[in-house]
Full PDB file with SEQRES, HELIX, SHEET, SSBOND, CRYST1, ORIGX, SCALE, CONECT and MASTER records, all heavy atoms in Angstrom:
SEQRES   1 A   29  VAL ARG TYR GLY THR ASP PRO PHE ASN SER SER PRO PHE          
SEQRES   2 A   29  GLN MET MET CYS ASN SER ALA PRO ILE GLU HIS GLY SER          
SEQRES   3 A   29  SER GLY SER                                                  
SHEET    1 AA1 2 ARG A   2  THR A   5  0                                        
SHEET    2 AA1 2 GLN A  14  CYS A  17 -1                                        
CRYST1    1.000    1.000    1.000  90.00  90.00  90.00 P 1           1          
ORIGX1      1.000000  0.000000  0.000000        0.00000                         
ORIGX2      0.000000  1.000000  0.000000        0.00000                         
ORIGX3      0.000000  0.000000  1.000000        0.00000                         
SCALE1      1.000000  0.000000  0.000000        0.00000                         
SCALE2      0.000000  1.000000  0.000000        0.00000                         
SCALE3      0.000000  0.000000  1.000000        0.00000                         
ATOM      1  N   VAL A   1     -59.290 -99.817 209.157  1.00  0.00           N  
ATOM      2  CA  VAL A   1     -60.493-100.203 209.944  1.00  0.00           C  
ATOM      3  C   VAL A   1     -61.229 -98.884 210.364  1.00  0.00           C  
ATOM      4  O   VAL A   1     -62.425 -98.818 210.236  1.00  0.00           O  
ATOM      5  CB  VAL A   1     -60.185-101.055 211.084  1.00  0.00           C  
ATOM      6  CG1 VAL A   1     -61.461-101.366 211.935  1.00  0.00           C  
ATOM      7  CG2 VAL A   1     -59.532-102.328 210.746  1.00  0.00           C  
ATOM      8  N   ARG A   2     -60.429 -97.939 210.788  1.00  0.00           N  
ATOM      9  CA  ARG A   2     -61.061 -96.740 211.269  1.00  0.00           C  
ATOM     10  C   ARG A   2     -59.918 -95.736 211.607  1.00  0.00           C  
ATOM     11  O   ARG A   2     -58.756 -96.104 211.619  1.00  0.00           O  
ATOM     12  CB  ARG A   2     -61.871 -96.927 212.533  1.00  0.00           C  
ATOM     13  CG  ARG A   2     -61.045 -97.275 213.794  1.00  0.00           C  
ATOM     14  CD  ARG A   2     -61.889 -97.550 215.051  1.00  0.00           C  
ATOM     15  NE  ARG A   2     -61.126 -97.912 216.138  1.00  0.00           N  
ATOM     16  CZ  ARG A   2     -60.296 -99.053 216.334  1.00  0.00           C  
ATOM     17  NH1 ARG A   2     -60.460 -99.945 215.385  1.00  0.00           N  
ATOM     18  NH2 ARG A   2     -59.692 -99.246 217.382  1.00  0.00           N  
ATOM     19  N   TYR A   3     -60.289 -94.427 211.777  1.00  0.00           N  
ATOM     20  CA  TYR A   3     -59.374 -93.414 212.314  1.00  0.00           C  
ATOM     21  C   TYR A   3     -59.764 -93.115 213.737  1.00  0.00           C  
ATOM     22  O   TYR A   3     -61.026 -93.134 214.097  1.00  0.00           O  
ATOM     23  CB  TYR A   3     -59.477 -92.146 211.422  1.00  0.00           C  
ATOM     24  CG  TYR A   3     -58.813 -92.226 210.144  1.00  0.00           C  
ATOM     25  CD1 TYR A   3     -59.383 -92.872 209.009  1.00  0.00           C  
ATOM     26  CD2 TYR A   3     -57.444 -91.782 210.039  1.00  0.00           C  
ATOM     27  CE1 TYR A   3     -58.713 -93.036 207.893  1.00  0.00           C  
ATOM     28  CE2 TYR A   3     -56.791 -91.864 208.765  1.00  0.00           C  
ATOM     29  CZ  TYR A   3     -57.431 -92.517 207.700  1.00  0.00           C  
ATOM     30  OH  TYR A   3     -56.787 -92.578 206.494  1.00  0.00           O  
ATOM     31  N   GLY A   4     -58.816 -93.057 214.661  1.00  0.00           N  
ATOM     32  CA  GLY A   4     -59.199 -92.802 216.012  1.00  0.00           C  
ATOM     33  C   GLY A   4     -58.090 -92.095 216.728  1.00  0.00           C  
ATOM     34  O   GLY A   4     -57.126 -91.775 216.205  1.00  0.00           O  
ATOM     35  N   THR A   5     -58.378 -91.861 218.010  1.00  0.00           N  
ATOM     36  CA  THR A   5     -57.353 -91.068 218.807  1.00  0.00           C  
ATOM     37  C   THR A   5     -56.110 -91.960 219.097  1.00  0.00           C  
ATOM     38  O   THR A   5     -56.147 -93.167 218.948  1.00  0.00           O  
ATOM     39  CB  THR A   5     -57.964 -90.637 220.107  1.00  0.00           C  
ATOM     40  OG1 THR A   5     -58.397 -91.836 220.881  1.00  0.00           O  
ATOM     41  CG2 THR A   5     -59.071 -89.632 219.955  1.00  0.00           C  
ATOM     42  N   ASP A   6     -55.033 -91.271 219.342  1.00  0.00           N  
ATOM     43  CA  ASP A   6     -53.836 -91.976 219.628  1.00  0.00           C  
ATOM     44  C   ASP A   6     -53.986 -92.814 220.852  1.00  0.00           C  
ATOM     45  O   ASP A   6     -54.271 -92.291 221.958  1.00  0.00           O  
ATOM     46  CB  ASP A   6     -52.712 -90.924 219.900  1.00  0.00           C  
ATOM     47  CG  ASP A   6     -51.365 -91.531 220.263  1.00  0.00           C  
ATOM     48  OD1 ASP A   6     -51.223 -92.701 220.326  1.00  0.00           O  
ATOM     49  OD2 ASP A   6     -50.440 -90.714 220.407  1.00  0.00           O  
ATOM     50  N   PRO A   7     -53.750 -94.159 220.811  1.00  0.00           N  
ATOM     51  CA  PRO A   7     -53.950 -94.936 221.958  1.00  0.00           C  
ATOM     52  C   PRO A   7     -52.986 -94.652 223.221  1.00  0.00           C  
ATOM     53  O   PRO A   7     -53.206 -94.978 224.318  1.00  0.00           O  
ATOM     54  CB  PRO A   7     -53.655 -96.397 221.480  1.00  0.00           C  
ATOM     55  CG  PRO A   7     -52.856 -96.207 220.212  1.00  0.00           C  
ATOM     56  CD  PRO A   7     -53.251 -94.872 219.689  1.00  0.00           C  
ATOM     57  N   PHE A   8     -51.945 -93.912 222.879  1.00  0.00           N  
ATOM     58  CA  PHE A   8     -50.981 -93.577 223.924  1.00  0.00           C  
ATOM     59  C   PHE A   8     -51.129 -92.063 224.328  1.00  0.00           C  
ATOM     60  O   PHE A   8     -50.326 -91.617 225.175  1.00  0.00           O  
ATOM     61  CB  PHE A   8     -49.526 -93.735 223.432  1.00  0.00           C  
ATOM     62  CG  PHE A   8     -49.331 -95.246 223.079  1.00  0.00           C  
ATOM     63  CD1 PHE A   8     -49.159 -95.664 221.733  1.00  0.00           C  
ATOM     64  CD2 PHE A   8     -49.234 -96.186 224.047  1.00  0.00           C  
ATOM     65  CE1 PHE A   8     -49.011 -96.926 221.383  1.00  0.00           C  
ATOM     66  CE2 PHE A   8     -49.078 -97.527 223.701  1.00  0.00           C  
ATOM     67  CZ  PHE A   8     -48.976 -97.890 222.379  1.00  0.00           C  
ATOM     68  N   ASN A   9     -52.095 -91.375 223.744  1.00  0.00           N  
ATOM     69  CA  ASN A   9     -52.404 -90.013 224.105  1.00  0.00           C  
ATOM     70  C   ASN A   9     -51.190 -89.132 223.953  1.00  0.00           C  
ATOM     71  O   ASN A   9     -51.039 -88.148 224.789  1.00  0.00           O  
ATOM     72  CB  ASN A   9     -53.009 -89.884 225.461  1.00  0.00           C  
ATOM     73  CG  ASN A   9     -54.305 -90.632 225.491  1.00  0.00           C  
ATOM     74  OD1 ASN A   9     -55.124 -90.442 224.643  1.00  0.00           O  
ATOM     75  ND2 ASN A   9     -54.546 -91.310 226.614  1.00  0.00           N  
ATOM     76  N   SER A  10     -50.303 -89.359 223.080  1.00  0.00           N  
ATOM     77  CA  SER A  10     -49.145 -88.546 222.870  1.00  0.00           C  
ATOM     78  C   SER A  10     -49.140 -87.669 221.586  1.00  0.00           C  
ATOM     79  O   SER A  10     -48.299 -86.941 221.309  1.00  0.00           O  
ATOM     80  CB  SER A  10     -47.819 -89.291 222.903  1.00  0.00           C  
ATOM     81  OG  SER A  10     -47.824 -90.272 221.872  1.00  0.00           O  
ATOM     82  N   SER A  11     -50.249 -87.803 220.824  1.00  0.00           N  
ATOM     83  CA  SER A  11     -50.353 -87.091 219.619  1.00  0.00           C  
ATOM     84  C   SER A  11     -51.811 -86.472 219.541  1.00  0.00           C  
ATOM     85  O   SER A  11     -52.784 -87.125 219.756  1.00  0.00           O  
ATOM     86  CB  SER A  11     -50.150 -87.959 218.434  1.00  0.00           C  
ATOM     87  OG  SER A  11     -50.445 -87.324 217.227  1.00  0.00           O  
ATOM     88  N   PRO A  12     -51.957 -85.241 218.954  1.00  0.00           N  
ATOM     89  CA  PRO A  12     -53.251 -84.678 218.764  1.00  0.00           C  
ATOM     90  C   PRO A  12     -53.922 -85.192 217.519  1.00  0.00           C  
ATOM     91  O   PRO A  12     -55.125 -84.831 217.260  1.00  0.00           O  
ATOM     92  CB  PRO A  12     -52.919 -83.158 218.731  1.00  0.00           C  
ATOM     93  CG  PRO A  12     -51.566 -83.095 218.031  1.00  0.00           C  
ATOM     94  CD  PRO A  12     -50.831 -84.323 218.642  1.00  0.00           C  
ATOM     95  N   PHE A  13     -53.150 -85.899 216.721  1.00  0.00           N  
ATOM     96  CA  PHE A  13     -53.767 -86.281 215.372  1.00  0.00           C  
ATOM     97  C   PHE A  13     -54.635 -87.576 215.526  1.00  0.00           C  
ATOM     98  O   PHE A  13     -54.422 -88.454 216.349  1.00  0.00           O  
ATOM     99  CB  PHE A  13     -52.631 -86.577 214.448  1.00  0.00           C  
ATOM    100  CG  PHE A  13     -51.773 -85.413 214.144  1.00  0.00           C  
ATOM    101  CD1 PHE A  13     -50.566 -85.179 214.627  1.00  0.00           C  
ATOM    102  CD2 PHE A  13     -52.309 -84.363 213.398  1.00  0.00           C  
ATOM    103  CE1 PHE A  13     -49.821 -84.070 214.409  1.00  0.00           C  
ATOM    104  CE2 PHE A  13     -51.567 -83.205 213.031  1.00  0.00           C  
ATOM    105  CZ  PHE A  13     -50.309 -83.099 213.525  1.00  0.00           C  
ATOM    106  N   GLN A  14     -55.480 -87.660 214.572  1.00  0.00           N  
ATOM    107  CA  GLN A  14     -56.255 -88.972 214.458  1.00  0.00           C  
ATOM    108  C   GLN A  14     -55.274 -90.028 213.849  1.00  0.00           C  
ATOM    109  O   GLN A  14     -54.531 -89.724 212.893  1.00  0.00           O  
ATOM    110  CB  GLN A  14     -57.462 -88.803 213.504  1.00  0.00           C  
ATOM    111  CG  GLN A  14     -58.498 -87.908 214.051  1.00  0.00           C  
ATOM    112  CD  GLN A  14     -59.275 -88.616 215.183  1.00  0.00           C  
ATOM    113  OE1 GLN A  14     -59.802 -89.664 214.984  1.00  0.00           O  
ATOM    114  NE2 GLN A  14     -59.212 -87.999 216.377  1.00  0.00           N  
ATOM    115  N   MET A  15     -55.267 -91.196 214.436  1.00  0.00           N  
ATOM    116  CA  MET A  15     -54.402 -92.206 213.946  1.00  0.00           C  
ATOM    117  C   MET A  15     -55.237 -93.204 213.050  1.00  0.00           C  
ATOM    118  O   MET A  15     -56.409 -93.256 213.101  1.00  0.00           O  
ATOM    119  CB  MET A  15     -53.798 -93.097 215.146  1.00  0.00           C  
ATOM    120  CG  MET A  15     -52.937 -92.209 216.007  1.00  0.00           C  
ATOM    121  SD  MET A  15     -51.376 -91.810 215.183  1.00  0.00           S  
ATOM    122  CE  MET A  15     -51.137 -90.167 215.702  1.00  0.00           C  
ATOM    123  N   MET A  16     -54.478 -93.924 212.247  1.00  0.00           N  
ATOM    124  CA  MET A  16     -55.108 -94.840 211.230  1.00  0.00           C  
ATOM    125  C   MET A  16     -54.970 -96.211 211.896  1.00  0.00           C  
ATOM    126  O   MET A  16     -53.860 -96.796 211.984  1.00  0.00           O  
ATOM    127  CB  MET A  16     -54.335 -94.783 209.932  1.00  0.00           C  
ATOM    128  CG  MET A  16     -54.777 -95.755 208.837  1.00  0.00           C  
ATOM    129  SD  MET A  16     -53.716 -95.798 207.417  1.00  0.00           S  
ATOM    130  CE  MET A  16     -53.731 -94.077 206.901  1.00  0.00           C  
ATOM    131  N   CYS A  17     -56.130 -96.758 212.255  1.00  0.00           N  
ATOM    132  CA  CYS A  17     -56.126 -98.054 212.861  1.00  0.00           C  
ATOM    133  C   CYS A  17     -56.380 -99.072 211.685  1.00  0.00           C  
ATOM    134  O   CYS A  17     -57.286 -98.798 210.777  1.00  0.00           O  
ATOM    135  CB  CYS A  17     -57.222 -98.194 213.818  1.00  0.00           C  
ATOM    136  SG  CYS A  17     -57.090 -97.042 215.185  1.00  0.00           S  
ATOM    137  N   ASN A  18     -55.607-100.096 211.583  1.00  0.00           N  
ATOM    138  CA  ASN A  18     -55.705-101.093 210.497  1.00  0.00           C  
ATOM    139  C   ASN A  18     -55.481-102.421 210.952  1.00  0.00           C  
ATOM    140  O   ASN A  18     -55.081-102.722 212.138  1.00  0.00           O  
ATOM    141  CB  ASN A  18     -54.644-100.676 209.413  1.00  0.00           C  
ATOM    142  CG  ASN A  18     -53.295-100.826 209.861  1.00  0.00           C  
ATOM    143  OD1 ASN A  18     -52.688-101.821 209.683  1.00  0.00           O  
ATOM    144  ND2 ASN A  18     -52.706 -99.734 210.442  1.00  0.00           N  
ATOM    145  N   SER A  19     -55.842-103.420 210.084  1.00  0.00           N  
ATOM    146  CA  SER A  19     -55.664-104.808 210.420  1.00  0.00           C  
ATOM    147  C   SER A  19     -54.395-105.465 209.879  1.00  0.00           C  
ATOM    148  O   SER A  19     -54.211-106.740 210.022  1.00  0.00           O  
ATOM    149  CB  SER A  19     -56.888-105.566 209.867  1.00  0.00           C  
ATOM    150  OG  SER A  19     -56.927-105.552 208.568  1.00  0.00           O  
ATOM    151  N   ALA A  20     -53.489-104.640 209.289  1.00  0.00           N  
ATOM    152  CA  ALA A  20     -52.199-105.215 208.777  1.00  0.00           C  
ATOM    153  C   ALA A  20     -51.261-105.344 210.003  1.00  0.00           C  
ATOM    154  O   ALA A  20     -50.881-104.286 210.565  1.00  0.00           O  
ATOM    155  CB  ALA A  20     -51.581-104.314 207.679  1.00  0.00           C  
ATOM    156  N   PRO A  21     -50.907-106.516 210.380  1.00  0.00           N  
ATOM    157  CA  PRO A  21     -49.948-106.688 211.523  1.00  0.00           C  
ATOM    158  C   PRO A  21     -48.666-105.956 211.339  1.00  0.00           C  
ATOM    159  O   PRO A  21     -48.064-106.025 210.317  1.00  0.00           O  
ATOM    160  CB  PRO A  21     -49.710-108.162 211.688  1.00  0.00           C  
ATOM    161  CG  PRO A  21     -50.980-108.831 210.970  1.00  0.00           C  
ATOM    162  CD  PRO A  21     -51.313-107.861 209.843  1.00  0.00           C  
ATOM    163  N   ILE A  22     -48.386-105.114 212.404  1.00  0.00           N  
ATOM    164  CA  ILE A  22     -47.084-104.432 212.382  1.00  0.00           C  
ATOM    165  C   ILE A  22     -46.128-105.259 213.267  1.00  0.00           C  
ATOM    166  O   ILE A  22     -46.345-105.322 214.419  1.00  0.00           O  
ATOM    167  CB  ILE A  22     -47.243-102.993 212.887  1.00  0.00           C  
ATOM    168  CG1 ILE A  22     -48.122-102.187 211.989  1.00  0.00           C  
ATOM    169  CG2 ILE A  22     -45.905-102.295 213.090  1.00  0.00           C  
ATOM    170  CD1 ILE A  22     -48.571-100.779 212.434  1.00  0.00           C  
ATOM    171  N   GLU A  23     -45.109-105.791 212.657  1.00  0.00           N  
ATOM    172  CA  GLU A  23     -44.195-106.652 213.335  1.00  0.00           C  
ATOM    173  C   GLU A  23     -43.464-105.769 214.410  1.00  0.00           C  
ATOM    174  O   GLU A  23     -43.030-104.670 214.152  1.00  0.00           O  
ATOM    175  CB  GLU A  23     -43.164-107.233 212.371  1.00  0.00           C  
ATOM    176  CG  GLU A  23     -43.813-108.068 211.220  1.00  0.00           C  
ATOM    177  CD  GLU A  23     -44.086-109.438 211.734  1.00  0.00           C  
ATOM    178  OE1 GLU A  23     -43.640-109.871 212.646  1.00  0.00           O  
ATOM    179  OE2 GLU A  23     -44.996-110.089 210.999  1.00  0.00           O  
ATOM    180  N   HIS A  24     -43.174-106.462 215.594  1.00  0.00           N  
ATOM    181  CA  HIS A  24     -42.374-105.782 216.553  1.00  0.00           C  
ATOM    182  C   HIS A  24     -40.999-105.309 216.008  1.00  0.00           C  
ATOM    183  O   HIS A  24     -40.348-106.108 215.443  1.00  0.00           O  
ATOM    184  CB  HIS A  24     -42.163-106.756 217.774  1.00  0.00           C  
ATOM    185  CG  HIS A  24     -41.329-106.145 218.862  1.00  0.00           C  
ATOM    186  ND1 HIS A  24     -41.853-105.141 219.703  1.00  0.00           N  
ATOM    187  CD2 HIS A  24     -40.033-106.379 219.242  1.00  0.00           C  
ATOM    188  CE1 HIS A  24     -40.951-104.891 220.545  1.00  0.00           C  
ATOM    189  NE2 HIS A  24     -39.856-105.542 220.361  1.00  0.00           N  
ATOM    190  N   GLY A  25     -40.685-104.045 216.250  1.00  0.00           N  
ATOM    191  CA  GLY A  25     -39.476-103.474 215.701  1.00  0.00           C  
ATOM    192  C   GLY A  25     -39.621-102.911 214.291  1.00  0.00           C  
ATOM    193  O   GLY A  25     -38.566-102.538 213.638  1.00  0.00           O  
ATOM    194  N   SER A  26     -40.840-102.786 213.797  1.00  0.00           N  
ATOM    195  CA  SER A  26     -41.050-102.171 212.556  1.00  0.00           C  
ATOM    196  C   SER A  26     -41.634-100.766 212.628  1.00  0.00           C  
ATOM    197  O   SER A  26     -42.016-100.173 211.579  1.00  0.00           O  
ATOM    198  CB  SER A  26     -41.988-103.042 211.653  1.00  0.00           C  
ATOM    199  OG  SER A  26     -41.361-104.169 211.243  1.00  0.00           O  
ATOM    200  N   SER A  27     -41.666-100.162 213.785  1.00  0.00           N  
ATOM    201  CA  SER A  27     -42.161 -98.770 213.869  1.00  0.00           C  
ATOM    202  C   SER A  27     -41.373 -97.861 213.002  1.00  0.00           C  
ATOM    203  O   SER A  27     -40.077 -98.069 212.887  1.00  0.00           O  
ATOM    204  CB  SER A  27     -42.009 -98.357 215.326  1.00  0.00           C  
ATOM    205  OG  SER A  27     -42.860 -99.012 216.151  1.00  0.00           O  
ATOM    206  N   GLY A  28     -42.012 -96.949 212.261  1.00  0.00           N  
ATOM    207  CA  GLY A  28     -41.374 -96.093 211.318  1.00  0.00           C  
ATOM    208  C   GLY A  28     -41.399 -96.606 209.878  1.00  0.00           C  
ATOM    209  O   GLY A  28     -41.019 -95.938 208.988  1.00  0.00           O  
ATOM    210  N   SER A  29     -41.855 -97.832 209.779  1.00  0.00           N  
ATOM    211  CA  SER A  29     -41.941 -98.429 208.421  1.00  0.00           C  
ATOM    212  C   SER A  29     -43.204 -97.964 207.660  1.00  0.00           C  
ATOM    213  O   SER A  29     -44.203 -97.551 208.338  1.00  0.00           O  
ATOM    214  CB  SER A  29     -42.005-100.019 208.485  1.00  0.00           C  
ATOM    215  OG  SER A  29     -40.773-100.457 209.035  1.00  0.00           O  
TER     216      SER A  29                                                      
MASTER        0    0    0    0    2    0    0    6  215    1    0    3          
END                                                                             
C-alpha cells in the first residue's frame, strides 16, 4: 500500500505497509 515510518518508532527504516494479513505469531515470516 505504501512505505512509511515504523509504527513503533523503533527503527530508522521505512517500513512496507501492505494489505496481506499477518497472522498473530507470524512475525519474522
